[in-house]
């Protein structure tokens, strides 16, 4: 596979699913979930592979299931 195809595959994005309830988590973590567009448990959203999104996933990763797209 050429480096161009690898770069395209890596840059597509993530499928993010909220797996655990944010009840009892810090307010900042709930705001991060809101920023990702997650409101309900088992809701799935698609987000691009950017440094900002990766940072948000890192912050609340214990509540999420993340799959590459």
C-alpha atoms as a PDB file:
ATOM      1  CA  UNK A   1       0.000   0.000   0.000  1.00  0.00           C
ATOM      2  CA  UNK A   2       1.411   3.380  -0.930  1.00  0.00           C
ATOM      3  CA  UNK A   3       1.920   6.136   1.626  1.00  0.00           C
ATOM      4  CA  UNK A   4      -0.830   8.179  -0.042  1.00  0.00           C
ATOM      5  CA  UNK A   5      -3.406   5.435   0.591  1.00  0.00           C
ATOM      6  CA  UNK A   6      -2.229   5.022   4.177  1.00  0.00           C
ATOM      7  CA  UNK A   7      -2.560   8.760   4.807  1.00  0.00           C
ATOM      8  CA  UNK A   8      -6.084   8.748   3.388  1.00  0.00           C
ATOM      9  CA  UNK A   9      -7.082   5.744   5.486  1.00  0.00           C
ATOM     10  CA  UNK A  10      -5.687   7.302   8.648  1.00  0.00           C
ATOM     11  CA  UNK A  11      -7.378  10.630   8.020  1.00  0.00           C
ATOM     12  CA  UNK A  12     -10.922   9.393   7.462  1.00  0.00           C
ATOM     13  CA  UNK A  13     -12.079   9.624  11.043  1.00  0.00           C
ATOM     14  CA  UNK A  14     -13.594   7.794  13.967  1.00  0.00           C
ATOM     15  CA  UNK A  15     -16.906   6.221  14.851  1.00  0.00           C
ATOM     16  CA  UNK A  16     -17.455   7.120  18.508  1.00  0.00           C
ATOM     17  CA  UNK A  17     -20.090   5.426  20.679  1.00  0.00           C
ATOM     18  CA  UNK A  18     -21.044   6.506  24.199  1.00  0.00           C
ATOM     19  CA  UNK A  19     -20.904   3.293  26.270  1.00  0.00           C
ATOM     20  CA  UNK A  20     -21.155   4.534  29.863  1.00  0.00           C
ATOM     21  CA  UNK A  21     -23.287   7.156  31.558  1.00  0.00           C
ATOM     22  CA  UNK A  22     -21.658  10.508  32.305  1.00  0.00           C
ATOM     23  CA  UNK A  23     -23.566  10.751  35.593  1.00  0.00           C
ATOM     24  CA  UNK A  24     -21.046  11.350  38.347  1.00  0.00           C
ATOM     25  CA  UNK A  25     -18.308  12.531  36.010  1.00  0.00           C
ATOM     26  CA  UNK A  26     -16.761  16.031  36.207  1.00  0.00           C
ATOM     27  CA  UNK A  27     -18.654  18.847  34.472  1.00  0.00           C
ATOM     28  CA  UNK A  28     -15.727  19.329  32.040  1.00  0.00           C
ATOM     29  CA  UNK A  29     -16.063  15.722  30.853  1.00  0.00           C
ATOM     30  CA  UNK A  30     -19.795  16.185  30.235  1.00  0.00           C
ATOM     31  CA  UNK A  31     -19.013  19.287  28.194  1.00  0.00           C
ATOM     32  CA  UNK A  32     -16.499  17.302  26.126  1.00  0.00           C
ATOM     33  CA  UNK A  33     -19.191  14.705  25.388  1.00  0.00           C
ATOM     34  CA  UNK A  34     -21.519  17.506  24.348  1.00  0.00           C
ATOM     35  CA  UNK A  35     -18.793  18.889  22.093  1.00  0.00           C
ATOM     36  CA  UNK A  36     -18.454  15.503  20.442  1.00  0.00           C
ATOM     37  CA  UNK A  37     -22.233  15.464  19.891  1.00  0.00           C
ATOM     38  CA  UNK A  38     -22.968  12.579  22.256  1.00  0.00           C
ATOM     39  CA  UNK A  39     -26.128  12.758  24.348  1.00  0.00           C
ATOM     40  CA  UNK A  40     -27.470   9.250  24.865  1.00  0.00           C
ATOM     41  CA  UNK A  41     -25.898   5.939  25.782  1.00  0.00           C
ATOM     42  CA  UNK A  42     -25.208   3.780  22.694  1.00  0.00           C
ATOM     43  CA  UNK A  43     -25.431   6.845  20.434  1.00  0.00           C
ATOM     44  CA  UNK A  44     -22.822   6.761  17.666  1.00  0.00           C
ATOM     45  CA  UNK A  45     -21.331   9.765  15.871  1.00  0.00           C
ATOM     46  CA  UNK A  46     -18.676  10.109  13.186  1.00  0.00           C
ATOM     47  CA  UNK A  47     -15.902  12.637  13.716  1.00  0.00           C
ATOM     48  CA  UNK A  48     -12.814  13.481  11.632  1.00  0.00           C
ATOM     49  CA  UNK A  49      -9.326  12.400  12.636  1.00  0.00           C
ATOM     50  CA  UNK A  50      -7.964  15.726  13.903  1.00  0.00           C
ATOM     51  CA  UNK A  51      -5.739  16.554  16.885  1.00  0.00           C
ATOM     52  CA  UNK A  52      -8.692  18.273  18.579  1.00  0.00           C
ATOM     53  CA  UNK A  53     -10.975  15.247  18.293  1.00  0.00           C
ATOM     54  CA  UNK A  54      -8.200  12.873  19.406  1.00  0.00           C
ATOM     55  CA  UNK A  55      -7.653  15.064  22.476  1.00  0.00           C
ATOM     56  CA  UNK A  56     -11.353  14.997  23.319  1.00  0.00           C
ATOM     57  CA  UNK A  57     -11.406  11.211  22.956  1.00  0.00           C
ATOM     58  CA  UNK A  58      -8.381  10.976  25.240  1.00  0.00           C
ATOM     59  CA  UNK A  59     -10.124  13.070  27.894  1.00  0.00           C
ATOM     60  CA  UNK A  60     -13.281  10.922  28.123  1.00  0.00           C
ATOM     61  CA  UNK A  61     -12.075   7.668  26.568  1.00  0.00           C
ATOM     62  CA  UNK A  62     -13.184   5.702  29.618  1.00  0.00           C
ATOM     63  CA  UNK A  63     -16.815   6.412  28.626  1.00  0.00           C
ATOM     64  CA  UNK A  64     -16.433   5.669  24.917  1.00  0.00           C
ATOM     65  CA  UNK A  65     -15.882   2.956  22.352  1.00  0.00           C
ATOM     66  CA  UNK A  66     -13.858   4.282  19.416  1.00  0.00           C
ATOM     67  CA  UNK A  67     -13.486   2.564  16.050  1.00  0.00           C
ATOM     68  CA  UNK A  68     -11.541   3.811  13.036  1.00  0.00           C
ATOM     69  CA  UNK A  69     -13.697   4.518  10.043  1.00  0.00           C
END
